[in-house]
Amino acid sequence: AVKDDDGIDTNNVSIEKVVGGTIDNSELVEGVIVDKE
């Protein structure tokens, strides 16, 4: 998804850690999650 003509910058893959649930509940959101309200 983040690959483009300039190459691949894995910094564009943001990782949000959530305590609760199981590893199987992990998911990919095609977009951005901002840790704010």
Full PDB file with SEQRES, HELIX, SHEET, SSBOND, CRYST1, ORIGX, SCALE, CONECT and MASTER records, all heavy atoms in Angstrom:
SEQRES   1 A   37  ALA VAL LYS ASP ASP ASP GLY ILE ASP THR ASN ASN VAL          
SEQRES   2 A   37  SER ILE GLU LYS VAL VAL GLY GLY THR ILE ASP ASN SER          
SEQRES   3 A   37  GLU LEU VAL GLU GLY VAL ILE VAL ASP LYS GLU                  
HELIX    1 AA1 THR A   10  ASN A   12  5                                   3    
HELIX    2 AA2 ILE A   23  ASN A   25  5                                   3    
CRYST1    1.000    1.000    1.000  90.00  90.00  90.00 P 1           1          
ORIGX1      1.000000  0.000000  0.000000        0.00000                         
ORIGX2      0.000000  1.000000  0.000000        0.00000                         
ORIGX3      0.000000  0.000000  1.000000        0.00000                         
SCALE1      1.000000  0.000000  0.000000        0.00000                         
SCALE2      0.000000  1.000000  0.000000        0.00000                         
SCALE3      0.000000  0.000000  1.000000        0.00000                         
ATOM      1  N   ALA A   1       0.826  -1.215   0.000  1.00  0.00           N  
ATOM      2  CA  ALA A   1       0.000   0.000   0.000  1.00  0.00           C  
ATOM      3  C   ALA A   1       0.859   1.264   0.000  1.00  0.00           C  
ATOM      4  O   ALA A   1       0.535   2.244  -0.676  1.00  0.00           O  
ATOM      5  CB  ALA A   1      -0.938   0.007   1.205  1.00  0.00           C  
ATOM      6  N   VAL A   2       1.970   1.246   0.756  1.00  0.00           N  
ATOM      7  CA  VAL A   2       2.784   2.472   0.870  1.00  0.00           C  
ATOM      8  C   VAL A   2       3.865   2.569  -0.196  1.00  0.00           C  
ATOM      9  O   VAL A   2       4.590   3.559  -0.274  1.00  0.00           O  
ATOM     10  CB  VAL A   2       3.438   2.591   2.278  1.00  0.00           C  
ATOM     11  CG1 VAL A   2       2.374   2.635   3.348  1.00  0.00           C  
ATOM     12  CG2 VAL A   2       4.431   1.465   2.539  1.00  0.00           C  
ATOM     13  N   LYS A   3       3.973   1.550  -1.034  1.00  0.00           N  
ATOM     14  CA  LYS A   3       4.977   1.574  -2.109  1.00  0.00           C  
ATOM     15  C   LYS A   3       4.588   2.625  -3.145  1.00  0.00           C  
ATOM     16  O   LYS A   3       3.442   2.715  -3.551  1.00  0.00           O  
ATOM     17  CB  LYS A   3       5.039   0.187  -2.766  1.00  0.00           C  
ATOM     18  CG  LYS A   3       6.087   0.045  -3.845  1.00  0.00           C  
ATOM     19  CD  LYS A   3       6.073  -1.391  -4.400  1.00  0.00           C  
ATOM     20  CE  LYS A   3       7.188  -1.626  -5.399  1.00  0.00           C  
ATOM     21  NZ  LYS A   3       7.050  -0.834  -6.612  1.00  0.00           N  
ATOM     22  N   ASP A   4       5.571   3.450  -3.543  1.00  0.00           N  
ATOM     23  CA  ASP A   4       5.308   4.416  -4.605  1.00  0.00           C  
ATOM     24  C   ASP A   4       6.535   4.551  -5.502  1.00  0.00           C  
ATOM     25  O   ASP A   4       7.503   3.792  -5.361  1.00  0.00           O  
ATOM     26  CB  ASP A   4       4.878   5.775  -4.029  1.00  0.00           C  
ATOM     27  CG  ASP A   4       5.921   6.373  -3.094  1.00  0.00           C  
ATOM     28  OD1 ASP A   4       7.100   5.980  -3.194  1.00  0.00           O  
ATOM     29  OD2 ASP A   4       5.575   7.236  -2.268  1.00  0.00           O  
ATOM     30  N   ASP A   5       6.527   5.526  -6.394  1.00  0.00           N  
ATOM     31  CA  ASP A   5       7.626   5.687  -7.354  1.00  0.00           C  
ATOM     32  C   ASP A   5       8.950   6.020  -6.674  1.00  0.00           C  
ATOM     33  O   ASP A   5      10.017   5.763  -7.232  1.00  0.00           O  
ATOM     34  CB  ASP A   5       7.287   6.792  -8.367  1.00  0.00           C  
ATOM     35  CG  ASP A   5       6.057   6.434  -9.192  1.00  0.00           C  
ATOM     36  OD1 ASP A   5       5.763   5.222  -9.271  1.00  0.00           O  
ATOM     37  OD2 ASP A   5       5.396   7.336  -9.729  1.00  0.00           O  
ATOM     38  N   ASP A   6       8.892   6.605  -5.483  1.00  0.00           N  
ATOM     39  CA  ASP A   6      10.120   6.966  -4.765  1.00  0.00           C  
ATOM     40  C   ASP A   6      10.693   5.797  -3.973  1.00  0.00           C  
ATOM     41  O   ASP A   6      11.736   5.930  -3.334  1.00  0.00           O  
ATOM     42  CB  ASP A   6       9.848   8.132  -3.805  1.00  0.00           C  
ATOM     43  CG  ASP A   6       9.392   9.373  -4.548  1.00  0.00           C  
ATOM     44  OD1 ASP A   6       9.845   9.559  -5.693  1.00  0.00           O  
ATOM     45  OD2 ASP A   6       8.577  10.130  -3.998  1.00  0.00           O  
ATOM     46  N   GLY A   7      10.011   4.667  -3.959  1.00  0.00           N  
ATOM     47  CA  GLY A   7      10.476   3.516  -3.180  1.00  0.00           C  
ATOM     48  C   GLY A   7       9.479   3.162  -2.092  1.00  0.00           C  
ATOM     49  O   GLY A   7       8.286   3.432  -2.214  1.00  0.00           O  
ATOM     50  N   ILE A   8       9.997   2.570  -1.020  1.00  0.00           N  
ATOM     51  CA  ILE A   8       9.134   2.130   0.083  1.00  0.00           C  
ATOM     52  C   ILE A   8       9.687   2.696   1.386  1.00  0.00           C  
ATOM     53  O   ILE A   8      10.815   2.389   1.775  1.00  0.00           O  
ATOM     54  CB  ILE A   8       9.093   0.591   0.172  1.00  0.00           C  
ATOM     55  CG1 ILE A   8       8.612  -0.011  -1.148  1.00  0.00           C  
ATOM     56  CG2 ILE A   8       8.189   0.138   1.308  1.00  0.00           C  
ATOM     57  CD1 ILE A   8       8.887  -1.493  -1.278  1.00  0.00           C  
ATOM     58  N   ASP A   9       8.879   3.510   2.042  1.00  0.00           N  
ATOM     59  CA  ASP A   9       9.247   4.032   3.352  1.00  0.00           C  
ATOM     60  C   ASP A   9       8.300   3.418   4.373  1.00  0.00           C  
ATOM     61  O   ASP A   9       7.130   3.781   4.440  1.00  0.00           O  
ATOM     62  CB  ASP A   9       9.137   5.561   3.352  1.00  0.00           C  
ATOM     63  CG  ASP A   9       9.605   6.172   4.675  1.00  0.00           C  
ATOM     64  OD1 ASP A   9       9.950   5.388   5.584  1.00  0.00           O  
ATOM     65  OD2 ASP A   9       9.615   7.412   4.797  1.00  0.00           O  
ATOM     66  N   THR A  10       8.840   2.488   5.178  1.00  0.00           N  
ATOM     67  CA  THR A  10       7.964   1.791   6.137  1.00  0.00           C  
ATOM     68  C   THR A  10       7.518   2.715   7.274  1.00  0.00           C  
ATOM     69  O   THR A  10       6.678   2.334   8.084  1.00  0.00           O  
ATOM     70  CB  THR A  10       8.648   0.542   6.728  1.00  0.00           C  
ATOM     71  OG1 THR A  10       9.958   0.888   7.178  1.00  0.00           O  
ATOM     72  CG2 THR A  10       8.760  -0.562   5.690  1.00  0.00           C  
ATOM     73  N   ASN A  11       8.062   3.945   7.341  1.00  0.00           N  
ATOM     74  CA  ASN A  11       7.559   4.913   8.320  1.00  0.00           C  
ATOM     75  C   ASN A  11       6.124   5.319   8.000  1.00  0.00           C  
ATOM     76  O   ASN A  11       5.413   5.858   8.844  1.00  0.00           O  
ATOM     77  CB  ASN A  11       8.441   6.169   8.340  1.00  0.00           C  
ATOM     78  CG  ASN A  11       9.790   5.895   8.981  1.00  0.00           C  
ATOM     79  OD1 ASN A  11       9.893   5.041   9.868  1.00  0.00           O  
ATOM     80  ND2 ASN A  11      10.813   6.577   8.526  1.00  0.00           N  
ATOM     81  N   ASN A  12       5.711   5.069   6.753  1.00  0.00           N  
ATOM     82  CA  ASN A  12       4.332   5.370   6.365  1.00  0.00           C  
ATOM     83  C   ASN A  12       3.355   4.288   6.834  1.00  0.00           C  
ATOM     84  O   ASN A  12       2.159   4.409   6.635  1.00  0.00           O  
ATOM     85  CB  ASN A  12       4.228   5.545   4.849  1.00  0.00           C  
ATOM     86  CG  ASN A  12       4.914   6.813   4.385  1.00  0.00           C  
ATOM     87  OD1 ASN A  12       4.787   7.854   5.011  1.00  0.00           O  
ATOM     88  ND2 ASN A  12       5.676   6.724   3.304  1.00  0.00           N  
ATOM     89  N   VAL A  13       3.915   3.216   7.406  1.00  0.00           N  
ATOM     90  CA  VAL A  13       3.066   2.206   8.057  1.00  0.00           C  
ATOM     91  C   VAL A  13       3.103   2.521   9.554  1.00  0.00           C  
ATOM     92  O   VAL A  13       4.086   2.257  10.237  1.00  0.00           O  
ATOM     93  CB  VAL A  13       3.570   0.775   7.801  1.00  0.00           C  
ATOM     94  CG1 VAL A  13       2.650  -0.233   8.493  1.00  0.00           C  
ATOM     95  CG2 VAL A  13       3.659   0.485   6.317  1.00  0.00           C  
ATOM     96  N   SER A  14       2.042   3.127  10.038  1.00  0.00           N  
ATOM     97  CA  SER A  14       1.972   3.490  11.455  1.00  0.00           C  
ATOM     98  C   SER A  14       1.497   2.274  12.257  1.00  0.00           C  
ATOM     99  O   SER A  14       0.658   1.504  11.782  1.00  0.00           O  
ATOM    100  CB  SER A  14       0.999   4.653  11.619  1.00  0.00           C  
ATOM    101  OG  SER A  14       0.839   4.973  12.967  1.00  0.00           O  
ATOM    102  N   ILE A  15       2.063   2.097  13.448  1.00  0.00           N  
ATOM    103  CA  ILE A  15       1.669   0.957  14.290  1.00  0.00           C  
ATOM    104  C   ILE A  15       1.012   1.478  15.565  1.00  0.00           C  
ATOM    105  O   ILE A  15       1.602   2.271  16.303  1.00  0.00           O  
ATOM    106  CB  ILE A  15       2.894   0.076  14.629  1.00  0.00           C  
ATOM    107  CG1 ILE A  15       3.454  -0.570  13.352  1.00  0.00           C  
ATOM    108  CG2 ILE A  15       2.520  -0.994  15.650  1.00  0.00           C  
ATOM    109  CD1 ILE A  15       4.728  -1.368  13.558  1.00  0.00           C  
ATOM    110  N   GLU A  16      -0.230   1.057  15.776  1.00  0.00           N  
ATOM    111  CA  GLU A  16      -0.963   1.424  16.993  1.00  0.00           C  
ATOM    112  C   GLU A  16      -1.085   0.184  17.881  1.00  0.00           C  
ATOM    113  O   GLU A  16      -1.616  -0.841  17.450  1.00  0.00           O  
ATOM    114  CB  GLU A  16      -2.366   1.932  16.647  1.00  0.00           C  
ATOM    115  CG  GLU A  16      -2.395   3.325  16.061  1.00  0.00           C  
ATOM    116  CD  GLU A  16      -2.132   4.420  17.086  1.00  0.00           C  
ATOM    117  OE1 GLU A  16      -2.485   4.228  18.267  1.00  0.00           O  
ATOM    118  OE2 GLU A  16      -1.550   5.445  16.705  1.00  0.00           O  
ATOM    119  N   LYS A  17      -0.573   0.274  19.105  1.00  0.00           N  
ATOM    120  CA  LYS A  17      -0.635  -0.869  20.021  1.00  0.00           C  
ATOM    121  C   LYS A  17      -1.839  -0.722  20.940  1.00  0.00           C  
ATOM    122  O   LYS A  17      -2.033   0.344  21.529  1.00  0.00           O  
ATOM    123  CB  LYS A  17       0.650  -0.955  20.848  1.00  0.00           C  
ATOM    124  CG  LYS A  17       1.896  -1.168  20.013  1.00  0.00           C  
ATOM    125  CD  LYS A  17       3.143  -1.284  20.864  1.00  0.00           C  
ATOM    126  CE  LYS A  17       3.497   0.030  21.497  1.00  0.00           C  
ATOM    127  NZ  LYS A  17       4.781  -0.013  22.233  1.00  0.00           N  
ATOM    128  N   VAL A  18      -2.622  -1.789  21.038  1.00  0.00           N  
ATOM    129  CA  VAL A  18      -3.810  -1.768  21.891  1.00  0.00           C  
ATOM    130  C   VAL A  18      -3.780  -2.991  22.805  1.00  0.00           C  
ATOM    131  O   VAL A  18      -3.757  -4.129  22.325  1.00  0.00           O  
ATOM    132  CB  VAL A  18      -5.106  -1.784  21.042  1.00  0.00           C  
ATOM    133  CG1 VAL A  18      -6.325  -1.787  21.950  1.00  0.00           C  
ATOM    134  CG2 VAL A  18      -5.145  -0.597  20.092  1.00  0.00           C  
ATOM    135  N   VAL A  19      -3.758  -2.748  24.116  1.00  0.00           N  
ATOM    136  CA  VAL A  19      -3.788  -3.853  25.079  1.00  0.00           C  
ATOM    137  C   VAL A  19      -5.243  -4.263  25.278  1.00  0.00           C  
ATOM    138  O   VAL A  19      -6.083  -3.447  25.660  1.00  0.00           O  
ATOM    139  CB  VAL A  19      -3.141  -3.443  26.415  1.00  0.00           C  
ATOM    140  CG1 VAL A  19      -3.237  -4.580  27.423  1.00  0.00           C  
ATOM    141  CG2 VAL A  19      -1.692  -3.040  26.199  1.00  0.00           C  
ATOM    142  N   GLY A  20      -5.515  -5.513  25.011  1.00  0.00           N  
ATOM    143  CA  GLY A  20      -6.893  -6.020  25.095  1.00  0.00           C  
ATOM    144  C   GLY A  20      -7.198  -6.850  23.870  1.00  0.00           C  
ATOM    145  O   GLY A  20      -6.721  -6.563  22.776  1.00  0.00           O  
ATOM    146  N   GLY A  21      -7.965  -7.903  24.025  1.00  0.00           N  
ATOM    147  CA  GLY A  21      -8.239  -8.792  22.901  1.00  0.00           C  
ATOM    148  C   GLY A  21      -7.076  -9.753  22.701  1.00  0.00           C  
ATOM    149  O   GLY A  21      -6.207  -9.903  23.562  1.00  0.00           O  
ATOM    150  N   THR A  22      -7.041 -10.402  21.548  1.00  0.00           N  
ATOM    151  CA  THR A  22      -5.973 -11.351  21.242  1.00  0.00           C  
ATOM    152  C   THR A  22      -5.230 -10.884  20.002  1.00  0.00           C  
ATOM    153  O   THR A  22      -5.675  -9.977  19.292  1.00  0.00           O  
ATOM    154  CB  THR A  22      -6.542 -12.763  20.973  1.00  0.00           C  
ATOM    155  OG1 THR A  22      -7.343 -12.707  19.774  1.00  0.00           O  
ATOM    156  CG2 THR A  22      -7.387 -13.243  22.132  1.00  0.00           C  
ATOM    157  N   ILE A  23      -4.094 -11.530  19.727  1.00  0.00           N  
ATOM    158  CA  ILE A  23      -3.290 -11.167  18.545  1.00  0.00           C  
ATOM    159  C   ILE A  23      -4.127 -11.315  17.270  1.00  0.00           C  
ATOM    160  O   ILE A  23      -3.987 -10.536  16.327  1.00  0.00           O  
ATOM    161  CB  ILE A  23      -2.016 -12.046  18.477  1.00  0.00           C  
ATOM    162  CG1 ILE A  23      -1.137 -11.794  19.707  1.00  0.00           C  
ATOM    163  CG2 ILE A  23      -1.224 -11.759  17.208  1.00  0.00           C  
ATOM    164  CD1 ILE A  23       0.091 -12.676  19.814  1.00  0.00           C  
ATOM    165  N   ASP A  24      -5.039 -12.292  17.266  1.00  0.00           N  
ATOM    166  CA  ASP A  24      -5.881 -12.525  16.085  1.00  0.00           C  
ATOM    167  C   ASP A  24      -6.822 -11.355  15.787  1.00  0.00           C  
ATOM    168  O   ASP A  24      -7.369 -11.263  14.688  1.00  0.00           O  
ATOM    169  CB  ASP A  24      -6.728 -13.798  16.273  1.00  0.00           C  
ATOM    170  CG  ASP A  24      -5.862 -15.052  16.241  1.00  0.00           C  
ATOM    171  OD1 ASP A  24      -4.954 -15.090  15.404  1.00  0.00           O  
ATOM    172  OD2 ASP A  24      -6.086 -15.969  17.044  1.00  0.00           O  
ATOM    173  N   ASN A  25      -7.019 -10.458  16.764  1.00  0.00           N  
ATOM    174  CA  ASN A  25      -7.883  -9.287  16.546  1.00  0.00           C  
ATOM    175  C   ASN A  25      -7.157  -8.137  15.852  1.00  0.00           C  
ATOM    176  O   ASN A  25      -7.756  -7.108  15.566  1.00  0.00           O  
ATOM    177  CB  ASN A  25      -8.448  -8.765  17.881  1.00  0.00           C  
ATOM    178  CG  ASN A  25      -9.307  -9.792  18.593  1.00  0.00           C  
ATOM    179  OD1 ASN A  25      -9.205  -9.978  19.789  1.00  0.00           O  
ATOM    180  ND2 ASN A  25     -10.155 -10.490  17.843  1.00  0.00           N  
ATOM    181  N   SER A  26      -5.864  -8.320  15.601  1.00  0.00           N  
ATOM    182  CA  SER A  26      -5.094  -7.271  14.920  1.00  0.00           C  
ATOM    183  C   SER A  26      -5.668  -7.040  13.528  1.00  0.00           C  
ATOM    184  O   SER A  26      -6.181  -7.961  12.897  1.00  0.00           O  
ATOM    185  CB  SER A  26      -3.619  -7.680  14.812  1.00  0.00           C  
ATOM    186  OG  SER A  26      -3.082  -7.898  16.099  1.00  0.00           O  
ATOM    187  N   GLU A  27      -5.587  -5.786  13.060  1.00  0.00           N  
ATOM    188  CA  GLU A  27      -6.155  -5.468  11.743  1.00  0.00           C  
ATOM    189  C   GLU A  27      -5.379  -4.344  11.063  1.00  0.00           C  
ATOM    190  O   GLU A  27      -4.601  -3.633  11.707  1.00  0.00           O  
ATOM    191  CB  GLU A  27      -7.629  -5.066  11.881  1.00  0.00           C  
ATOM    192  CG  GLU A  27      -7.836  -3.836  12.775  1.00  0.00           C  
ATOM    193  CD  GLU A  27      -9.301  -3.446  12.910  1.00  0.00           C  
ATOM    194  OE1 GLU A  27      -9.959  -3.289  11.870  1.00  0.00           O  
ATOM    195  OE2 GLU A  27      -9.764  -3.281  14.060  1.00  0.00           O  
ATOM    196  N   LEU A  28      -5.594  -4.215   9.755  1.00  0.00           N  
ATOM    197  CA  LEU A  28      -4.966  -3.153   8.980  1.00  0.00           C  
ATOM    198  C   LEU A  28      -6.026  -2.132   8.587  1.00  0.00           C  
ATOM    199  O   LEU A  28      -7.063  -2.491   8.029  1.00  0.00           O  
ATOM    200  CB  LEU A  28      -4.308  -3.737   7.719  1.00  0.00           C  
ATOM    201  CG  LEU A  28      -3.672  -2.720   6.773  1.00  0.00           C  
ATOM    202  CD1 LEU A  28      -2.437  -2.094   7.403  1.00  0.00           C  
ATOM    203  CD2 LEU A  28      -3.291  -3.374   5.448  1.00  0.00           C  
ATOM    204  N   VAL A  29      -5.764  -0.878   8.905  1.00  0.00           N  
ATOM    205  CA  VAL A  29      -6.672   0.196   8.516  1.00  0.00           C  
ATOM    206  C   VAL A  29      -6.026   0.954   7.356  1.00  0.00           C  
ATOM    207  O   VAL A  29      -4.910   1.474   7.497  1.00  0.00           O  
ATOM    208  CB  VAL A  29      -6.925   1.168   9.698  1.00  0.00           C  
ATOM    209  CG1 VAL A  29      -7.746   2.366   9.241  1.00  0.00           C  
ATOM    210  CG2 VAL A  29      -7.622   0.444  10.833  1.00  0.00           C  
ATOM    211  N   GLU A  30      -6.723   0.985   6.224  1.00  0.00           N  
ATOM    212  CA  GLU A  30      -6.178   1.705   5.071  1.00  0.00           C  
ATOM    213  C   GLU A  30      -6.477   3.184   5.258  1.00  0.00           C  
ATOM    214  O   GLU A  30      -7.462   3.714   4.761  1.00  0.00           O  
ATOM    215  CB  GLU A  30      -6.765   1.156   3.776  1.00  0.00           C  
ATOM    216  CG  GLU A  30      -6.292  -0.258   3.496  1.00  0.00           C  
ATOM    217  CD  GLU A  30      -6.428  -0.642   2.048  1.00  0.00           C  
ATOM    218  OE1 GLU A  30      -6.857   0.209   1.261  1.00  0.00           O  
ATOM    219  OE2 GLU A  30      -6.109  -1.788   1.721  1.00  0.00           O  
ATOM    220  N   GLY A  31      -5.629   3.816   5.991  1.00  0.00           N  
ATOM    221  CA  GLY A  31      -5.800   5.207   6.354  1.00  0.00           C  
ATOM    222  C   GLY A  31      -4.980   5.495   7.595  1.00  0.00           C  
ATOM    223  O   GLY A  31      -4.017   4.788   7.900  1.00  0.00           O  
ATOM    224  N   VAL A  32      -5.379   6.526   8.348  1.00  0.00           N  
ATOM    225  CA  VAL A  32      -4.584   6.965   9.495  1.00  0.00           C  
ATOM    226  C   VAL A  32      -5.445   6.957  10.759  1.00  0.00           C  
ATOM    227  O   VAL A  32      -6.621   7.313  10.714  1.00  0.00           O  
ATOM    228  CB  VAL A  32      -4.037   8.393   9.239  1.00  0.00           C  
ATOM    229  CG1 VAL A  32      -3.244   8.889  10.438  1.00  0.00           C  
ATOM    230  CG2 VAL A  32      -3.174   8.415   7.994  1.00  0.00           C  
ATOM    231  N   ILE A  33      -4.824   6.533  11.859  1.00  0.00           N  
ATOM    232  CA  ILE A  33      -5.483   6.623  13.165  1.00  0.00           C  
ATOM    233  C   ILE A  33      -4.735   7.675  13.983  1.00  0.00           C  
ATOM    234  O   ILE A  33      -3.524   7.555  14.179  1.00  0.00           O  
ATOM    235  CB  ILE A  33      -5.474   5.270  13.898  1.00  0.00           C  
ATOM    236  CG1 ILE A  33      -6.233   4.228  13.081  1.00  0.00           C  
ATOM    237  CG2 ILE A  33      -6.095   5.408  15.283  1.00  0.00           C  
ATOM    238  CD1 ILE A  33      -6.138   2.834  13.632  1.00  0.00           C  
ATOM    239  N   VAL A  34      -5.438   8.689  14.422  1.00  0.00           N  
ATOM    240  CA  VAL A  34      -4.821   9.756  15.215  1.00  0.00           C  
ATOM    241  C   VAL A  34      -5.224   9.547  16.669  1.00  0.00           C  
ATOM    242  O   VAL A  34      -6.408   9.442  16.983  1.00  0.00           O  
ATOM    243  CB  VAL A  34      -5.279  11.147  14.716  1.00  0.00           C  
ATOM    244  CG1 VAL A  34      -4.610  12.248  15.532  1.00  0.00           C  
ATOM    245  CG2 VAL A  34      -4.952  11.314  13.240  1.00  0.00           C  
ATOM    246  N   ASP A  35      -4.225   9.474  17.530  1.00  0.00           N  
ATOM    247  CA  ASP A  35      -4.475   9.190  18.945  1.00  0.00           C  
ATOM    248  C   ASP A  35      -4.963  10.443  19.671  1.00  0.00           C  
ATOM    249  O   ASP A  35      -4.315  10.973  20.579  1.00  0.00           O  
ATOM    250  CB  ASP A  35      -3.196   8.655  19.588  1.00  0.00           C  
ATOM    251  CG  ASP A  35      -3.464   8.035  20.955  1.00  0.00           C  
ATOM    252  OD1 ASP A  35      -4.651   7.928  21.319  1.00  0.00           O  
ATOM    253  OD2 ASP A  35      -2.501   7.673  21.653  1.00  0.00           O  
ATOM    254  N   LYS A  36      -6.094  10.974  19.228  1.00  0.00           N  
ATOM    255  CA  LYS A  36      -6.704  12.177  19.804  1.00  0.00           C  
ATOM    256  C   LYS A  36      -8.220  12.002  19.817  1.00  0.00           C  
ATOM    257  O   LYS A  36      -8.747  11.051  19.240  1.00  0.00           O  
ATOM    258  CB  LYS A  36      -6.366  13.411  18.955  1.00  0.00           C  
ATOM    259  CG  LYS A  36      -4.894  13.761  18.881  1.00  0.00           C  
ATOM    260  CD  LYS A  36      -4.427  14.454  20.140  1.00  0.00           C  
ATOM    261  CE  LYS A  36      -2.944  14.776  20.075  1.00  0.00           C  
ATOM    262  NZ  LYS A  36      -2.455  15.337  21.332  1.00  0.00           N  
ATOM    263  N   GLU A  37      -8.922  12.953  20.454  1.00  0.00           N  
ATOM    264  CA  GLU A  37     -10.388  12.992  20.415  1.00  0.00           C  
ATOM    265  C   GLU A  37     -10.828  14.318  19.784  1.00  0.00           C  
ATOM    266  O   GLU A  37     -10.055  15.272  19.731  1.00  0.00           O  
ATOM    267  CB  GLU A  37     -10.963  12.897  21.832  1.00  0.00           C  
ATOM    268  CG  GLU A  37     -10.638  11.590  22.539  1.00  0.00           C  
ATOM    269  CD  GLU A  37     -11.204  11.549  23.949  1.00  0.00           C  
ATOM    270  OE1 GLU A  37     -12.325  12.069  24.146  1.00  0.00           O  
ATOM    271  OE2 GLU A  37     -10.537  11.023  24.853  1.00  0.00           O  
TER     272      GLU A  37                                                      
MASTER        0    0    0    2    0    0    0    6  271    1    0    3          
END                                                                             
